[in-house]
């Protein structure tokens, strides 16, 4: 994605090593979460329950399509309880 984006806009990473480390840690976290869900689930329906009801809403409400800095103070405080906010802001 970075290579494709670099074709259309000027692209520079302020901290490339931190970006790579953060990407690896986030990949490891979601991989282990999927592994744990796979061990816990005893059927396909149960396997899809956690991503559908928990991971996807946290991703959408975590500031992936907007910056939480534009939220009113109360909703910004509520959004900071979402752990996905910190994953998304790490890449910003």
PDB file of N, CA and C in Angstrom:
ATOM      1  N   UNK A   1       0.825  -1.186   0.000  1.00  0.00           N
ATOM      2  CA  UNK A   1       0.000   0.000   0.000  1.00  0.00           C
ATOM      3  C   UNK A   1       0.870   1.251   0.000  1.00  0.00           C
ATOM      4  N   UNK A   2       1.972   1.201   0.718  1.00  0.00           N
ATOM      5  CA  UNK A   2       2.846   2.372   0.740  1.00  0.00           C
ATOM      6  C   UNK A   2       3.452   2.651  -0.630  1.00  0.00           C
ATOM      7  N   UNK A   3       3.813   1.598  -1.348  1.00  0.00           N
ATOM      8  CA  UNK A   3       4.394   1.781  -2.678  1.00  0.00           C
ATOM      9  C   UNK A   3       3.361   2.393  -3.617  1.00  0.00           C
ATOM     10  N   UNK A   4       2.132   1.908  -3.561  1.00  0.00           N
ATOM     11  CA  UNK A   4       1.077   2.450  -4.410  1.00  0.00           C
ATOM     12  C   UNK A   4       0.763   3.893  -4.034  1.00  0.00           C
ATOM     13  N   UNK A   5       0.693   4.184  -2.752  1.00  0.00           N
ATOM     14  CA  UNK A   5       0.442   5.557  -2.316  1.00  0.00           C
ATOM     15  C   UNK A   5       1.579   6.474  -2.737  1.00  0.00           C
ATOM     16  N   UNK A   6       2.801   5.958  -2.721  1.00  0.00           N
ATOM     17  CA  UNK A   6       3.948   6.759  -3.131  1.00  0.00           C
ATOM     18  C   UNK A   6       3.914   7.155  -4.592  1.00  0.00           C
ATOM     19  N   UNK A   7       3.167   6.424  -5.402  1.00  0.00           N
ATOM     20  CA  UNK A   7       3.025   6.788  -6.809  1.00  0.00           C
ATOM     21  C   UNK A   7       2.132   8.011  -7.005  1.00  0.00           C
ATOM     22  N   UNK A   8       1.240   8.282  -6.060  1.00  0.00           N
ATOM     23  CA  UNK A   8       0.257   9.350  -6.224  1.00  0.00           C
ATOM     24  C   UNK A   8       0.527  10.583  -5.376  1.00  0.00           C
ATOM     25  N   UNK A   9       1.149  10.412  -4.240  1.00  0.00           N
ATOM     26  CA  UNK A   9       1.410  11.531  -3.340  1.00  0.00           C
ATOM     27  C   UNK A   9       2.853  11.459  -2.849  1.00  0.00           C
ATOM     28  N   UNK A  10       3.425  12.595  -2.487  1.00  0.00           N
ATOM     29  CA  UNK A  10       4.764  12.536  -1.894  1.00  0.00           C
ATOM     30  C   UNK A  10       4.695  11.834  -0.538  1.00  0.00           C
ATOM     31  N   UNK A  11       5.544  10.869  -0.364  1.00  0.00           N
ATOM     32  CA  UNK A  11       5.459  10.019   0.820  1.00  0.00           C
ATOM     33  C   UNK A  11       6.782  10.049   1.563  1.00  0.00           C
ATOM     34  N   UNK A  12       6.704  10.300   2.846  1.00  0.00           N
ATOM     35  CA  UNK A  12       7.897  10.188   3.673  1.00  0.00           C
ATOM     36  C   UNK A  12       7.483   9.706   5.055  1.00  0.00           C
ATOM     37  N   UNK A  13       8.249   8.795   5.584  1.00  0.00           N
ATOM     38  CA  UNK A  13       8.005   8.275   6.921  1.00  0.00           C
ATOM     39  C   UNK A  13       8.938   8.987   7.881  1.00  0.00           C
ATOM     40  N   UNK A  14       8.373   9.555   8.940  1.00  0.00           N
ATOM     41  CA  UNK A  14       9.189  10.281   9.906  1.00  0.00           C
ATOM     42  C   UNK A  14      10.057   9.316  10.710  1.00  0.00           C
ATOM     43  N   UNK A  15       9.505   8.170  11.063  1.00  0.00           N
ATOM     44  CA  UNK A  15      10.220   7.191  11.880  1.00  0.00           C
ATOM     45  C   UNK A  15      10.018   5.796  11.278  1.00  0.00           C
ATOM     46  N   UNK A  16      10.788   5.429  10.267  1.00  0.00           N
ATOM     47  CA  UNK A  16      10.542   4.147   9.589  1.00  0.00           C
ATOM     48  C   UNK A  16      10.761   2.932  10.480  1.00  0.00           C
ATOM     49  N   UNK A  17      11.748   2.974  11.362  1.00  0.00           N
ATOM     50  CA  UNK A  17      11.988   1.805  12.226  1.00  0.00           C
ATOM     51  C   UNK A  17      10.864   1.622  13.236  1.00  0.00           C
ATOM     52  N   UNK A  18      10.359   2.708  13.790  1.00  0.00           N
ATOM     53  CA  UNK A  18       9.221   2.588  14.708  1.00  0.00           C
ATOM     54  C   UNK A  18       7.986   2.083  13.976  1.00  0.00           C
ATOM     55  N   UNK A  19       7.820   2.490  12.725  1.00  0.00           N
ATOM     56  CA  UNK A  19       6.689   2.028  11.928  1.00  0.00           C
ATOM     57  C   UNK A  19       6.758   0.522  11.713  1.00  0.00           C
ATOM     58  N   UNK A  20       7.951   0.027  11.392  1.00  0.00           N
ATOM     59  CA  UNK A  20       8.120  -1.414  11.170  1.00  0.00           C
ATOM     60  C   UNK A  20       7.903  -2.192  12.457  1.00  0.00           C
ATOM     61  N   UNK A  21       8.451  -1.702  13.563  1.00  0.00           N
ATOM     62  CA  UNK A  21       8.267  -2.374  14.857  1.00  0.00           C
ATOM     63  C   UNK A  21       6.796  -2.383  15.243  1.00  0.00           C
ATOM     64  N   UNK A  22       6.128  -1.240  15.064  1.00  0.00           N
ATOM     65  CA  UNK A  22       4.716  -1.144  15.409  1.00  0.00           C
ATOM     66  C   UNK A  22       3.878  -2.073  14.537  1.00  0.00           C
ATOM     67  N   UNK A  23       4.203  -2.154  13.255  1.00  0.00           N
ATOM     68  CA  UNK A  23       3.494  -3.047  12.336  1.00  0.00           C
ATOM     69  C   UNK A  23       3.663  -4.501  12.753  1.00  0.00           C
ATOM     70  N   UNK A  24       4.875  -4.893  13.114  1.00  0.00           N
ATOM     71  CA  UNK A  24       5.118  -6.268  13.557  1.00  0.00           C
ATOM     72  C   UNK A  24       4.381  -6.594  14.853  1.00  0.00           C
ATOM     73  N   UNK A  25       4.397  -5.665  15.802  1.00  0.00           N
ATOM     74  CA  UNK A  25       3.693  -5.905  17.064  1.00  0.00           C
ATOM     75  C   UNK A  25       2.182  -5.978  16.866  1.00  0.00           C
ATOM     76  N   UNK A  26       1.649  -5.127  16.001  1.00  0.00           N
ATOM     77  CA  UNK A  26       0.212  -5.170  15.747  1.00  0.00           C
ATOM     78  C   UNK A  26      -0.171  -6.453  15.015  1.00  0.00           C
ATOM     79  N   UNK A  27       0.655  -6.895  14.076  1.00  0.00           N
ATOM     80  CA  UNK A  27       0.392  -8.153  13.374  1.00  0.00           C
ATOM     81  C   UNK A  27       0.437  -9.327  14.335  1.00  0.00           C
ATOM     82  N   UNK A  28       1.402  -9.324  15.223  1.00  0.00           N
ATOM     83  CA  UNK A  28       1.511 -10.387  16.218  1.00  0.00           C
ATOM     84  C   UNK A  28       0.299 -10.399  17.145  1.00  0.00           C
ATOM     85  N   UNK A  29      -0.149  -9.221  17.563  1.00  0.00           N
ATOM     86  CA  UNK A  29      -1.304  -9.128  18.459  1.00  0.00           C
ATOM     87  C   UNK A  29      -2.561  -9.703  17.812  1.00  0.00           C
ATOM     88  N   UNK A  30      -2.862  -9.287  16.584  1.00  0.00           N
ATOM     89  CA  UNK A  30      -4.071  -9.782  15.926  1.00  0.00           C
ATOM     90  C   UNK A  30      -3.941 -11.252  15.550  1.00  0.00           C
ATOM     91  N   UNK A  31      -2.750 -11.700  15.230  1.00  0.00           N
ATOM     92  CA  UNK A  31      -2.557 -13.125  14.932  1.00  0.00           C
ATOM     93  C   UNK A  31      -2.812 -13.976  16.169  1.00  0.00           C
ATOM     94  N   UNK A  32      -2.274 -13.543  17.301  1.00  0.00           N
ATOM     95  CA  UNK A  32      -2.495 -14.284  18.542  1.00  0.00           C
ATOM     96  C   UNK A  32      -3.960 -14.229  18.972  1.00  0.00           C
ATOM     97  N   UNK A  33      -4.610 -13.105  18.743  1.00  0.00           N
ATOM     98  CA  UNK A  33      -6.042 -13.018  19.054  1.00  0.00           C
ATOM     99  C   UNK A  33      -6.833 -13.998  18.197  1.00  0.00           C
ATOM    100  N   UNK A  34      -6.512 -14.081  16.913  1.00  0.00           N
ATOM    101  CA  UNK A  34      -7.176 -15.056  16.043  1.00  0.00           C
ATOM    102  C   UNK A  34      -6.887 -16.489  16.451  1.00  0.00           C
ATOM    103  N   UNK A  35      -5.663 -16.743  16.892  1.00  0.00           N
ATOM    104  CA  UNK A  35      -5.298 -18.076  17.370  1.00  0.00           C
ATOM    105  C   UNK A  35      -6.110 -18.448  18.613  1.00  0.00           C
ATOM    106  N   UNK A  36      -6.251 -17.515  19.537  1.00  0.00           N
ATOM    107  CA  UNK A  36      -7.021 -17.766  20.763  1.00  0.00           C
ATOM    108  C   UNK A  36      -8.495 -17.991  20.437  1.00  0.00           C
ATOM    109  N   UNK A  37      -9.038 -17.189  19.524  1.00  0.00           N
ATOM    110  CA  UNK A  37     -10.435 -17.378  19.122  1.00  0.00           C
ATOM    111  C   UNK A  37     -10.618 -18.728  18.442  1.00  0.00           C
ATOM    112  N   UNK A  38      -9.639 -19.142  17.630  1.00  0.00           N
ATOM    113  CA  UNK A  38      -9.710 -20.436  16.966  1.00  0.00           C
ATOM    114  C   UNK A  38      -9.682 -21.597  17.946  1.00  0.00           C
ATOM    115  N   UNK A  39      -8.926 -21.469  19.025  1.00  0.00           N
ATOM    116  CA  UNK A  39      -8.909 -22.511  20.056  1.00  0.00           C
ATOM    117  C   UNK A  39     -10.236 -22.540  20.806  1.00  0.00           C
ATOM    118  N   UNK A  40     -10.791 -21.367  21.088  1.00  0.00           N
ATOM    119  CA  UNK A  40     -12.016 -21.270  21.884  1.00  0.00           C
ATOM    120  C   UNK A  40     -13.238 -21.740  21.094  1.00  0.00           C
ATOM    121  N   UNK A  41     -13.303 -21.419  19.816  1.00  0.00           N
ATOM    122  CA  UNK A  41     -14.493 -21.708  19.021  1.00  0.00           C
ATOM    123  C   UNK A  41     -14.577 -23.189  18.681  1.00  0.00           C
ATOM    124  N   UNK A  42     -15.764 -23.724  18.839  1.00  0.00           N
ATOM    125  CA  UNK A  42     -15.971 -25.126  18.474  1.00  0.00           C
ATOM    126  C   UNK A  42     -16.840 -25.273  17.224  1.00  0.00           C
ATOM    127  N   UNK A  43     -17.155 -24.153  16.586  1.00  0.00           N
ATOM    128  CA  UNK A  43     -17.912 -24.182  15.343  1.00  0.00           C
ATOM    129  C   UNK A  43     -17.694 -22.890  14.570  1.00  0.00           C
ATOM    130  N   UNK A  44     -18.109 -22.910  13.304  1.00  0.00           N
ATOM    131  CA  UNK A  44     -17.904 -21.743  12.456  1.00  0.00           C
ATOM    132  C   UNK A  44     -18.689 -20.535  12.953  1.00  0.00           C
ATOM    133  N   UNK A  45     -19.879 -20.762  13.499  1.00  0.00           N
ATOM    134  CA  UNK A  45     -20.700 -19.659  13.991  1.00  0.00           C
ATOM    135  C   UNK A  45     -20.017 -18.962  15.157  1.00  0.00           C
ATOM    136  N   UNK A  46     -19.449 -19.749  16.044  1.00  0.00           N
ATOM    137  CA  UNK A  46     -18.750 -19.174  17.193  1.00  0.00           C
ATOM    138  C   UNK A  46     -17.453 -18.492  16.760  1.00  0.00           C
ATOM    139  N   UNK A  47     -16.839 -18.982  15.704  1.00  0.00           N
ATOM    140  CA  UNK A  47     -15.601 -18.411  15.202  1.00  0.00           C
ATOM    141  C   UNK A  47     -15.822 -16.997  14.658  1.00  0.00           C
ATOM    142  N   UNK A  48     -16.967 -16.735  14.072  1.00  0.00           N
ATOM    143  CA  UNK A  48     -17.259 -15.428  13.494  1.00  0.00           C
ATOM    144  C   UNK A  48     -17.876 -14.441  14.475  1.00  0.00           C
ATOM    145  N   UNK A  49     -18.260 -14.913  15.658  1.00  0.00           N
ATOM    146  CA  UNK A  49     -18.956 -14.051  16.606  1.00  0.00           C
ATOM    147  C   UNK A  49     -18.061 -12.923  17.132  1.00  0.00           C
ATOM    148  N   UNK A  50     -16.841 -13.218  17.543  1.00  0.00           N
ATOM    149  CA  UNK A  50     -15.953 -12.213  18.126  1.00  0.00           C
ATOM    150  C   UNK A  50     -15.559 -11.153  17.100  1.00  0.00           C
ATOM    151  N   UNK A  51     -15.073 -11.533  15.901  1.00  0.00           N
ATOM    152  CA  UNK A  51     -14.746 -10.476  14.934  1.00  0.00           C
ATOM    153  C   UNK A  51     -15.949  -9.640  14.526  1.00  0.00           C
ATOM    154  N   UNK A  52     -17.118 -10.278  14.377  1.00  0.00           N
ATOM    155  CA  UNK A  52     -18.297  -9.558  13.930  1.00  0.00           C
ATOM    156  C   UNK A  52     -18.828  -8.597  14.990  1.00  0.00           C
ATOM    157  N   UNK A  53     -18.868  -9.032  16.230  1.00  0.00           N
ATOM    158  CA  UNK A  53     -19.491  -8.227  17.279  1.00  0.00           C
ATOM    159  C   UNK A  53     -18.521  -7.348  18.063  1.00  0.00           C
ATOM    160  N   UNK A  54     -17.224  -7.651  18.021  1.00  0.00           N
ATOM    161  CA  UNK A  54     -16.284  -6.895  18.846  1.00  0.00           C
ATOM    162  C   UNK A  54     -15.213  -6.201  18.009  1.00  0.00           C
ATOM    163  N   UNK A  55     -14.474  -6.936  17.202  1.00  0.00           N
ATOM    164  CA  UNK A  55     -13.323  -6.372  16.496  1.00  0.00           C
ATOM    165  C   UNK A  55     -13.753  -5.339  15.447  1.00  0.00           C
ATOM    166  N   UNK A  56     -14.748  -5.646  14.631  1.00  0.00           N
ATOM    167  CA  UNK A  56     -15.179  -4.725  13.576  1.00  0.00           C
ATOM    168  C   UNK A  56     -15.731  -3.413  14.138  1.00  0.00           C
ATOM    169  N   UNK A  57     -16.639  -3.437  15.120  1.00  0.00           N
ATOM    170  CA  UNK A  57     -17.092  -2.152  15.673  1.00  0.00           C
ATOM    171  C   UNK A  57     -15.969  -1.353  16.335  1.00  0.00           C
ATOM    172  N   UNK A  58     -15.050  -2.030  17.023  1.00  0.00           N
ATOM    173  CA  UNK A  58     -13.934  -1.302  17.624  1.00  0.00           C
ATOM    174  C   UNK A  58     -13.071  -0.645  16.554  1.00  0.00           C
ATOM    175  N   UNK A  59     -12.916  -1.314  15.430  1.00  0.00           N
ATOM    176  CA  UNK A  59     -12.143  -0.733  14.332  1.00  0.00           C
ATOM    177  C   UNK A  59     -12.815   0.495  13.731  1.00  0.00           C
ATOM    178  N   UNK A  60     -14.120   0.414  13.522  1.00  0.00           N
ATOM    179  CA  UNK A  60     -14.839   1.550  12.946  1.00  0.00           C
ATOM    180  C   UNK A  60     -14.919   2.714  13.922  1.00  0.00           C
ATOM    181  N   UNK A  61     -15.075   2.420  15.212  1.00  0.00           N
ATOM    182  CA  UNK A  61     -15.177   3.480  16.215  1.00  0.00           C
ATOM    183  C   UNK A  61     -13.817   3.930  16.734  1.00  0.00           C
ATOM    184  N   UNK A  62     -12.754   3.317  16.244  1.00  0.00           N
ATOM    185  CA  UNK A  62     -11.415   3.622  16.725  1.00  0.00           C
ATOM    186  C   UNK A  62     -10.723   4.742  15.991  1.00  0.00           C
ATOM    187  N   UNK A  63     -11.395   5.426  15.115  1.00  0.00           N
ATOM    188  CA  UNK A  63     -10.794   6.545  14.421  1.00  0.00           C
ATOM    189  C   UNK A  63     -10.107   6.166  13.131  1.00  0.00           C
ATOM    190  N   UNK A  64     -10.515   5.061  12.515  1.00  0.00           N
ATOM    191  CA  UNK A  64      -9.892   4.679  11.250  1.00  0.00           C
ATOM    192  C   UNK A  64     -10.347   5.575  10.102  1.00  0.00           C
ATOM    193  N   UNK A  65     -11.528   6.148  10.188  1.00  0.00           N
ATOM    194  CA  UNK A  65     -12.040   7.016   9.134  1.00  0.00           C
ATOM    195  C   UNK A  65     -12.065   8.484   9.543  1.00  0.00           C
ATOM    196  N   UNK A  66     -11.688   8.788  10.762  1.00  0.00           N
ATOM    197  CA  UNK A  66     -11.687  10.162  11.269  1.00  0.00           C
ATOM    198  C   UNK A  66     -10.651  10.245  12.381  1.00  0.00           C
ATOM    199  N   UNK A  67     -10.254  11.434  12.691  1.00  0.00           N
ATOM    200  CA  UNK A  67      -9.334  11.645  13.799  1.00  0.00           C
ATOM    201  C   UNK A  67     -10.143  11.879  15.068  1.00  0.00           C
ATOM    202  N   UNK A  68      -9.749  11.269  16.154  1.00  0.00           N
ATOM    203  CA  UNK A  68     -10.510  11.473  17.393  1.00  0.00           C
ATOM    204  C   UNK A  68     -10.278  12.863  17.964  1.00  0.00           C
ATOM    205  N   UNK A  69      -9.333  13.613  17.399  1.00  0.00           N
ATOM    206  CA  UNK A  69      -9.093  14.984  17.857  1.00  0.00           C
ATOM    207  C   UNK A  69     -10.247  15.910  17.511  1.00  0.00           C
ATOM    208  N   UNK A  70     -11.078  15.556  16.535  1.00  0.00           N
ATOM    209  CA  UNK A  70     -12.205  16.406  16.153  1.00  0.00           C
ATOM    210  C   UNK A  70     -13.453  16.112  16.977  1.00  0.00           C
ATOM    211  N   UNK A  71     -13.395  15.094  17.831  1.00  0.00           N
ATOM    212  CA  UNK A  71     -14.551  14.749  18.649  1.00  0.00           C
ATOM    213  C   UNK A  71     -14.705  15.730  19.806  1.00  0.00           C
ATOM    214  N   UNK A  72     -15.939  15.923  20.290  1.00  0.00           N
ATOM    215  CA  UNK A  72     -16.132  16.719  21.503  1.00  0.00           C
ATOM    216  C   UNK A  72     -15.410  16.057  22.684  1.00  0.00           C
ATOM    217  N   UNK A  73     -15.084  16.827  23.711  1.00  0.00           N
ATOM    218  CA  UNK A  73     -14.278  16.285  24.819  1.00  0.00           C
ATOM    219  C   UNK A  73     -14.857  15.024  25.464  1.00  0.00           C
ATOM    220  N   UNK A  74     -16.169  14.954  25.653  1.00  0.00           N
ATOM    221  CA  UNK A  74     -16.759  13.772  26.278  1.00  0.00           C
ATOM    222  C   UNK A  74     -16.541  12.534  25.413  1.00  0.00           C
ATOM    223  N   UNK A  75     -16.818  12.646  24.109  1.00  0.00           N
ATOM    224  CA  UNK A  75     -16.693  11.489  23.219  1.00  0.00           C
ATOM    225  C   UNK A  75     -15.232  11.128  22.977  1.00  0.00           C
ATOM    226  N   UNK A  76     -14.335  12.106  23.050  1.00  0.00           N
ATOM    227  CA  UNK A  76     -12.909  11.805  22.948  1.00  0.00           C
ATOM    228  C   UNK A  76     -12.473  10.958  24.142  1.00  0.00           C
ATOM    229  N   UNK A  77     -12.976  11.307  25.340  1.00  0.00           N
ATOM    230  CA  UNK A  77     -12.651  10.525  26.532  1.00  0.00           C
ATOM    231  C   UNK A  77     -13.211   9.114  26.432  1.00  0.00           C
ATOM    232  N   UNK A  78     -14.408   8.972  25.889  1.00  0.00           N
ATOM    233  CA  UNK A  78     -14.999   7.645  25.692  1.00  0.00           C
ATOM    234  C   UNK A  78     -14.185   6.852  24.671  1.00  0.00           C
ATOM    235  N   UNK A  79     -13.760   7.511  23.589  1.00  0.00           N
ATOM    236  CA  UNK A  79     -13.002   6.834  22.538  1.00  0.00           C
ATOM    237  C   UNK A  79     -11.650   6.349  23.041  1.00  0.00           C
ATOM    238  N   UNK A  80     -11.077   6.996  24.025  1.00  0.00           N
ATOM    239  CA  UNK A  80      -9.769   6.594  24.537  1.00  0.00           C
ATOM    240  C   UNK A  80      -9.816   5.280  25.313  1.00  0.00           C
ATOM    241  N   UNK A  81     -11.004   4.793  25.645  1.00  0.00           N
ATOM    242  CA  UNK A  81     -11.143   3.472  26.271  1.00  0.00           C
ATOM    243  C   UNK A  81     -11.063   2.345  25.242  1.00  0.00           C
ATOM    244  N   UNK A  82     -11.128   2.705  23.971  1.00  0.00           N
ATOM    245  CA  UNK A  82     -11.057   1.726  22.887  1.00  0.00           C
ATOM    246  C   UNK A  82      -9.584   1.434  22.588  1.00  0.00           C
ATOM    247  N   UNK A  83      -9.126   0.196  22.737  1.00  0.00           N
ATOM    248  CA  UNK A  83      -7.713  -0.096  22.496  1.00  0.00           C
ATOM    249  C   UNK A  83      -7.302   0.040  21.033  1.00  0.00           C
ATOM    250  N   UNK A  84      -8.245  -0.034  20.105  1.00  0.00           N
ATOM    251  CA  UNK A  84      -7.925   0.077  18.688  1.00  0.00           C
ATOM    252  C   UNK A  84      -7.525   1.515  18.334  1.00  0.00           C
ATOM    253  N   UNK A  85      -7.969   2.488  19.122  1.00  0.00           N
ATOM    254  CA  UNK A  85      -7.590   3.882  18.900  1.00  0.00           C
ATOM    255  C   UNK A  85      -6.069   4.012  18.938  1.00  0.00           C
ATOM    256  N   UNK A  86      -5.435   3.352  19.865  1.00  0.00           N
ATOM    257  CA  UNK A  86      -3.986   3.466  20.013  1.00  0.00           C
ATOM    258  C   UNK A  86      -3.260   2.764  18.868  1.00  0.00           C
ATOM    259  N   UNK A  87      -3.833   1.699  18.337  1.00  0.00           N
ATOM    260  CA  UNK A  87      -3.239   1.026  17.182  1.00  0.00           C
ATOM    261  C   UNK A  87      -3.294   1.924  15.954  1.00  0.00           C
ATOM    262  N   UNK A  88      -4.434   2.571  15.736  1.00  0.00           N
ATOM    263  CA  UNK A  88      -4.612   3.425  14.566  1.00  0.00           C
ATOM    264  C   UNK A  88      -3.761   4.686  14.694  1.00  0.00           C
ATOM    265  N   UNK A  89      -3.741   5.284  15.880  1.00  0.00           N
ATOM    266  CA  UNK A  89      -2.947   6.505  16.070  1.00  0.00           C
ATOM    267  C   UNK A  89      -1.454   6.218  15.985  1.00  0.00           C
ATOM    268  N   UNK A  90      -1.049   5.001  16.250  1.00  0.00           N
ATOM    269  CA  UNK A  90       0.358   4.647  16.104  1.00  0.00           C
ATOM    270  C   UNK A  90       0.843   4.772  14.679  1.00  0.00           C
ATOM    271  N   UNK A  91      -0.025   4.508  13.720  1.00  0.00           N
ATOM    272  CA  UNK A  91       0.349   4.650  12.320  1.00  0.00           C
ATOM    273  C   UNK A  91       0.204   6.061  11.812  1.00  0.00           C
ATOM    274  N   UNK A  92      -0.608   6.844  12.467  1.00  0.00           N
ATOM    275  CA  UNK A  92      -0.767   8.235  12.032  1.00  0.00           C
ATOM    276  C   UNK A  92       0.454   9.020  12.420  1.00  0.00           C
TER     277      UNK A  92
END
